[in-house]
Amino acid sequence: MDKSGCLALYREAFPDNDIPFETALFEDCFNYCHYIKENGKIISMLFALPCELEEENTKTECIYIYAAATLKEYRGQGLMAKLIEEIQKADTIVFLRPANERLIEFYKKFGFECIDGKKIRALPYIQPKDGFKQLAEKFNETETGEKFTIMYWGHNKKNSKEINFLYSME
C-alpha cells in the first residue's frame, strides 16, 4: 500500500488541508483506499468507506465514496471509471456527495441517481462503520439541517427521495 503517494494526491486535489482530519483519515481509513499507480506514482484514488443505511426496520451495508481524485494530467483517461466500477462490483449500495454540480453528470454515467441529503440524524440515515466510524467519532459533527445532493447507486432502487447523513465530510 502506498500511503504517502495517496496522501500526496489527496493534498494536491484538496488543497484546503485540515491536518488533524487528514491525519485521522489516513490512519483510520487508509485500508479503504483504492488507487491506480503508474510508473511508481499514484495517479487516481478514492476511499470506499463502510457504512450502514438504516431505514425503518432494516439496515443495509453500503459504501460511501469519498475523496475521489485524479491528477490533472491524467484526467479523461477513464481512471476514475475503473475505480468506481471496481467498487460497484461489490454489488452493494454506493453513495457519494459530489464536490460540485458539474460532477453530477459524470457520476450519472455510472448509474448514480440524485437524492436529497440532509445533515441530521433521522431515518433513513447513513451510519459510518468500522474505521470510518472511528474517524467520524474523532470529529464532532453537529446536526445543521443543511441540505445537499447525495448520489446513489445500487441494484435495488431506493423508494426514499431523501437520505440523512451527518458525516459526509464535505
C-alpha atoms as a PDB file:
ATOM      1  CA  MET A   1       0.000   0.000   0.000  1.00  0.00           C
ATOM      2  CA  ASP A   2       1.305   3.414  -0.961  1.00  0.00           C
ATOM      3  CA  LYS A   3       0.016   5.700   1.779  1.00  0.00           C
ATOM      4  CA  SER A   4       2.489   8.504   1.096  1.00  0.00           C
ATOM      5  CA  GLY A   5       1.632   8.563  -2.623  1.00  0.00           C
ATOM      6  CA  CYS A   6      -2.095   8.681  -1.882  1.00  0.00           C
ATOM      7  CA  LEU A   7      -1.553  11.419   0.674  1.00  0.00           C
ATOM      8  CA  ALA A   8       0.360  13.468  -1.920  1.00  0.00           C
ATOM      9  CA  LEU A   9      -2.523  13.142  -4.418  1.00  0.00           C
ATOM     10  CA  TYR A  10      -5.050  13.950  -1.671  1.00  0.00           C
ATOM     11  CA  ARG A  11      -3.160  17.126  -0.783  1.00  0.00           C
ATOM     12  CA  GLU A  12      -2.939  18.194  -4.418  1.00  0.00           C
ATOM     13  CA  ALA A  13      -6.632  17.554  -5.079  1.00  0.00           C
ATOM     14  CA  PHE A  14      -7.877  19.017  -1.791  1.00  0.00           C
ATOM     15  CA  PRO A  15      -5.519  21.916  -1.005  1.00  0.00           C
ATOM     16  CA  ASP A  16      -7.562  23.323   1.898  1.00  0.00           C
ATOM     17  CA  ASN A  17      -5.871  20.884   4.231  1.00  0.00           C
ATOM     18  CA  ASP A  18      -7.199  20.201   7.684  1.00  0.00           C
ATOM     19  CA  ILE A  19      -4.149  18.390   9.063  1.00  0.00           C
ATOM     20  CA  PRO A  20      -5.883  16.763  12.084  1.00  0.00           C
ATOM     21  CA  PHE A  21      -8.647  15.401   9.830  1.00  0.00           C
ATOM     22  CA  GLU A  22      -6.247  14.354   7.091  1.00  0.00           C
ATOM     23  CA  THR A  23      -4.030  12.526   9.602  1.00  0.00           C
ATOM     24  CA  ALA A  24      -7.013  10.684  11.101  1.00  0.00           C
ATOM     25  CA  LEU A  25      -8.414   9.828   7.647  1.00  0.00           C
ATOM     26  CA  PHE A  26      -5.158   8.191   6.605  1.00  0.00           C
ATOM     27  CA  GLU A  27      -4.688   6.465   9.995  1.00  0.00           C
ATOM     28  CA  ASP A  28      -8.221   5.108  10.437  1.00  0.00           C
ATOM     29  CA  CYS A  29      -9.344   4.585   6.858  1.00  0.00           C
ATOM     30  CA  PHE A  30      -6.383   4.033   4.549  1.00  0.00           C
ATOM     31  CA  ASN A  31      -7.271   0.353   4.180  1.00  0.00           C
ATOM     32  CA  TYR A  32     -10.419   1.541   2.337  1.00  0.00           C
ATOM     33  CA  CYS A  33      -8.364   3.500  -0.205  1.00  0.00           C
ATOM     34  CA  HIS A  34      -8.410   2.227  -3.789  1.00  0.00           C
ATOM     35  CA  TYR A  35      -5.858   3.639  -6.180  1.00  0.00           C
ATOM     36  CA  ILE A  36      -4.143   3.358  -9.532  1.00  0.00           C
ATOM     37  CA  LYS A  37      -0.399   3.682  -9.736  1.00  0.00           C
ATOM     38  CA  GLU A  38       1.633   4.344 -12.873  1.00  0.00           C
ATOM     39  CA  ASN A  39       5.439   4.476 -13.037  1.00  0.00           C
ATOM     40  CA  GLY A  40       5.615   4.459  -9.231  1.00  0.00           C
ATOM     41  CA  LYS A  41       3.196   7.396  -8.831  1.00  0.00           C
ATOM     42  CA  ILE A  42      -0.374   7.375  -7.521  1.00  0.00           C
ATOM     43  CA  ILE A  43      -2.442   8.959 -10.296  1.00  0.00           C
ATOM     44  CA  SER A  44      -6.041   8.261  -9.217  1.00  0.00           C
ATOM     45  CA  MET A  45      -7.677   7.289  -5.919  1.00  0.00           C
ATOM     46  CA  LEU A  46     -10.831   7.163  -3.855  1.00  0.00           C
ATOM     47  CA  PHE A  47     -11.888   5.985  -0.414  1.00  0.00           C
ATOM     48  CA  ALA A  48     -14.700   3.392  -0.276  1.00  0.00           C
ATOM     49  CA  LEU A  49     -15.818   3.907   3.336  1.00  0.00           C
ATOM     50  CA  PRO A  50     -18.033   1.293   5.014  1.00  0.00           C
ATOM     51  CA  CYS A  51     -21.473   2.419   6.137  1.00  0.00           C
ATOM     52  CA  GLU A  52     -24.863   1.106   7.004  1.00  0.00           C
ATOM     53  CA  LEU A  53     -28.093   2.540   5.657  1.00  0.00           C
ATOM     54  CA  GLU A  54     -30.640   2.434   8.433  1.00  0.00           C
ATOM     55  CA  GLU A  55     -34.255   2.627   7.363  1.00  0.00           C
ATOM     56  CA  GLU A  56     -37.421   1.698   9.175  1.00  0.00           C
ATOM     57  CA  ASN A  57     -36.881  -1.892  10.419  1.00  0.00           C
ATOM     58  CA  THR A  58     -33.895  -2.551   8.107  1.00  0.00           C
ATOM     59  CA  LYS A  59     -30.162  -1.996   7.982  1.00  0.00           C
ATOM     60  CA  THR A  60     -28.250  -2.412   4.728  1.00  0.00           C
ATOM     61  CA  GLU A  61     -24.494  -2.443   4.190  1.00  0.00           C
ATOM     62  CA  CYS A  62     -23.332   0.337   1.896  1.00  0.00           C
ATOM     63  CA  ILE A  63     -20.244   2.217   0.780  1.00  0.00           C
ATOM     64  CA  TYR A  64     -19.572   5.951   0.834  1.00  0.00           C
ATOM     65  CA  ILE A  65     -17.162   7.133  -1.854  1.00  0.00           C
ATOM     66  CA  TYR A  66     -15.006   9.943  -0.506  1.00  0.00           C
ATOM     67  CA  ALA A  67     -12.008  11.930  -1.774  1.00  0.00           C
ATOM     68  CA  ALA A  68     -12.199  10.723  -5.372  1.00  0.00           C
ATOM     69  CA  ALA A  69      -9.320  12.373  -7.227  1.00  0.00           C
ATOM     70  CA  THR A  70      -7.184  12.008 -10.337  1.00  0.00           C
ATOM     71  CA  LEU A  71      -4.076  14.018 -11.139  1.00  0.00           C
ATOM     72  CA  LYS A  72      -4.955  16.756 -13.642  1.00  0.00           C
ATOM     73  CA  GLU A  73      -2.611  15.463 -16.329  1.00  0.00           C
ATOM     74  CA  TYR A  74      -4.282  12.011 -16.199  1.00  0.00           C
ATOM     75  CA  ARG A  75      -7.931  13.112 -16.297  1.00  0.00           C
ATOM     76  CA  GLY A  76     -10.112  11.965 -19.183  1.00  0.00           C
ATOM     77  CA  GLN A  77      -8.375   8.591 -19.449  1.00  0.00           C
ATOM     78  CA  GLY A  78     -11.035   6.529 -17.655  1.00  0.00           C
ATOM     79  CA  LEU A  79      -9.046   6.012 -14.455  1.00  0.00           C
ATOM     80  CA  MET A  80     -11.808   7.121 -12.088  1.00  0.00           C
ATOM     81  CA  ALA A  81     -14.233   4.990 -14.111  1.00  0.00           C
ATOM     82  CA  LYS A  82     -12.070   1.936 -13.343  1.00  0.00           C
ATOM     83  CA  LEU A  83     -12.075   2.709  -9.626  1.00  0.00           C
ATOM     84  CA  ILE A  84     -15.832   3.342  -9.482  1.00  0.00           C
ATOM     85  CA  GLU A  85     -16.612   0.191 -11.458  1.00  0.00           C
ATOM     86  CA  GLU A  86     -14.380  -1.778  -9.086  1.00  0.00           C
ATOM     87  CA  ILE A  87     -16.451  -0.516  -6.138  1.00  0.00           C
ATOM     88  CA  GLN A  88     -19.713  -1.290  -7.958  1.00  0.00           C
ATOM     89  CA  LYS A  89     -18.598  -4.921  -8.424  1.00  0.00           C
ATOM     90  CA  ALA A  90     -19.077  -5.369  -4.677  1.00  0.00           C
ATOM     91  CA  ASP A  91     -22.801  -5.297  -5.522  1.00  0.00           C
ATOM     92  CA  THR A  92     -23.724  -3.136  -2.575  1.00  0.00           C
ATOM     93  CA  ILE A  93     -25.358   0.259  -2.285  1.00  0.00           C
ATOM     94  CA  VAL A  94     -22.908   3.068  -3.032  1.00  0.00           C
ATOM     95  CA  PHE A  95     -23.355   6.716  -2.008  1.00  0.00           C
ATOM     96  CA  LEU A  96     -21.302   9.801  -2.680  1.00  0.00           C
ATOM     97  CA  ARG A  97     -21.575  13.527  -2.279  1.00  0.00           C
ATOM     98  CA  PRO A  98     -20.422  15.255  -5.471  1.00  0.00           C
ATOM     99  CA  ALA A  99     -17.950  18.033  -4.745  1.00  0.00           C
ATOM    100  CA  ASN A 100     -19.648  20.295  -7.276  1.00  0.00           C
ATOM    101  CA  GLU A 101     -22.581  20.413  -9.688  1.00  0.00           C
ATOM    102  CA  ARG A 102     -20.554  19.535 -12.790  1.00  0.00           C
ATOM    103  CA  LEU A 103     -19.638  16.152 -11.279  1.00  0.00           C
ATOM    104  CA  ILE A 104     -23.306  15.100 -11.158  1.00  0.00           C
ATOM    105  CA  GLU A 105     -23.328  14.341 -14.895  1.00  0.00           C
ATOM    106  CA  PHE A 106     -20.030  12.452 -14.567  1.00  0.00           C
ATOM    107  CA  TYR A 107     -21.435  10.153 -11.868  1.00  0.00           C
ATOM    108  CA  LYS A 108     -24.717   9.672 -13.736  1.00  0.00           C
ATOM    109  CA  LYS A 109     -22.662   7.875 -16.434  1.00  0.00           C
ATOM    110  CA  PHE A 110     -22.150   5.099 -13.868  1.00  0.00           C
ATOM    111  CA  GLY A 111     -25.832   4.823 -12.987  1.00  0.00           C
ATOM    112  CA  PHE A 112     -25.814   7.106  -9.939  1.00  0.00           C
ATOM    113  CA  GLU A 113     -29.050   8.958  -9.203  1.00  0.00           C
ATOM    114  CA  CYS A 114     -29.544  12.139  -7.195  1.00  0.00           C
ATOM    115  CA  ILE A 115     -31.267  12.033  -3.819  1.00  0.00           C
ATOM    116  CA  ASP A 116     -31.774  14.931  -1.432  1.00  0.00           C
ATOM    117  CA  GLY A 117     -29.461  14.780   1.545  1.00  0.00           C
ATOM    118  CA  LYS A 118     -29.780  16.436   4.901  1.00  0.00           C
ATOM    119  CA  LYS A 119     -27.236  16.759   7.706  1.00  0.00           C
ATOM    120  CA  ILE A 120     -29.379  15.345  10.536  1.00  0.00           C
ATOM    121  CA  ARG A 121     -29.812  12.107  12.480  1.00  0.00           C
ATOM    122  CA  ALA A 122     -33.163  10.806  11.289  1.00  0.00           C
ATOM    123  CA  LEU A 123     -34.303   7.812   9.242  1.00  0.00           C
ATOM    124  CA  PRO A 124     -33.338   6.970   6.550  1.00  0.00           C
ATOM    125  CA  TYR A 125     -29.809   7.518   7.865  1.00  0.00           C
ATOM    126  CA  ILE A 126     -26.314   6.584   6.668  1.00  0.00           C
ATOM    127  CA  GLN A 127     -24.260   5.480   9.676  1.00  0.00           C
ATOM    128  CA  PRO A 128     -20.435   5.114   9.468  1.00  0.00           C
ATOM    129  CA  LYS A 129     -18.995   1.685  10.337  1.00  0.00           C
ATOM    130  CA  ASP A 130     -15.646   0.218  11.337  1.00  0.00           C
ATOM    131  CA  GLY A 131     -12.669   2.530  10.605  1.00  0.00           C
ATOM    132  CA  PHE A 132     -14.970   5.199   9.193  1.00  0.00           C
ATOM    133  CA  LYS A 133     -16.895   5.161  12.485  1.00  0.00           C
ATOM    134  CA  GLN A 134     -13.602   5.670  14.369  1.00  0.00           C
ATOM    135  CA  LEU A 135     -12.820   8.635  12.124  1.00  0.00           C
ATOM    136  CA  ALA A 136     -16.300  10.155  12.498  1.00  0.00           C
ATOM    137  CA  GLU A 137     -16.160   9.877  16.290  1.00  0.00           C
ATOM    138  CA  LYS A 138     -12.965  11.975  16.370  1.00  0.00           C
ATOM    139  CA  PHE A 139     -14.712  14.929  14.725  1.00  0.00           C
ATOM    140  CA  ASN A 140     -17.846  16.140  16.414  1.00  0.00           C
ATOM    141  CA  GLU A 141     -20.326  16.736  13.614  1.00  0.00           C
ATOM    142  CA  THR A 142     -23.451  18.615  14.550  1.00  0.00           C
ATOM    143  CA  GLU A 143     -26.884  18.446  13.053  1.00  0.00           C
ATOM    144  CA  THR A 144     -27.267  21.565  10.959  1.00  0.00           C
ATOM    145  CA  GLY A 145     -30.210  20.613   8.767  1.00  0.00           C
ATOM    146  CA  GLU A 146     -28.030  21.606   5.798  1.00  0.00           C
ATOM    147  CA  LYS A 147     -29.415  20.260   2.533  1.00  0.00           C
ATOM    148  CA  PHE A 148     -27.158  18.835  -0.171  1.00  0.00           C
ATOM    149  CA  THR A 149     -27.148  16.392  -3.064  1.00  0.00           C
ATOM    150  CA  ILE A 150     -26.291  12.757  -2.426  1.00  0.00           C
ATOM    151  CA  MET A 151     -25.852  10.411  -5.328  1.00  0.00           C
ATOM    152  CA  TYR A 152     -26.919   6.802  -5.005  1.00  0.00           C
ATOM    153  CA  TRP A 153     -26.121   3.634  -6.959  1.00  0.00           C
ATOM    154  CA  GLY A 154     -27.471   0.158  -6.352  1.00  0.00           C
ATOM    155  CA  HIS A 155     -29.403  -2.644  -7.994  1.00  0.00           C
ATOM    156  CA  ASN A 156     -32.378  -2.086  -5.711  1.00  0.00           C
ATOM    157  CA  LYS A 157     -33.702   1.404  -6.290  1.00  0.00           C
ATOM    158  CA  LYS A 158     -34.453   3.396  -3.162  1.00  0.00           C
ATOM    159  CA  ASN A 159     -38.046   4.358  -2.545  1.00  0.00           C
ATOM    160  CA  SER A 160     -36.920   7.276  -0.458  1.00  0.00           C
ATOM    161  CA  LYS A 161     -36.269  10.656  -2.033  1.00  0.00           C
ATOM    162  CA  GLU A 162     -34.151  11.761   0.937  1.00  0.00           C
ATOM    163  CA  ILE A 163     -31.211  10.317   2.873  1.00  0.00           C
ATOM    164  CA  ASN A 164     -29.781  11.788   6.052  1.00  0.00           C
ATOM    165  CA  PHE A 165     -26.024  11.763   6.529  1.00  0.00           C
ATOM    166  CA  LEU A 166     -24.290  13.659   9.290  1.00  0.00           C
ATOM    167  CA  TYR A 167     -20.708  12.640   8.418  1.00  0.00           C
ATOM    168  CA  SER A 168     -20.464  13.465   4.717  1.00  0.00           C
ATOM    169  CA  MET A 169     -17.166  15.311   5.439  1.00  0.00           C
ATOM    170  CA  GLU A 170     -17.652  17.946   2.738  1.00  0.00           C
END
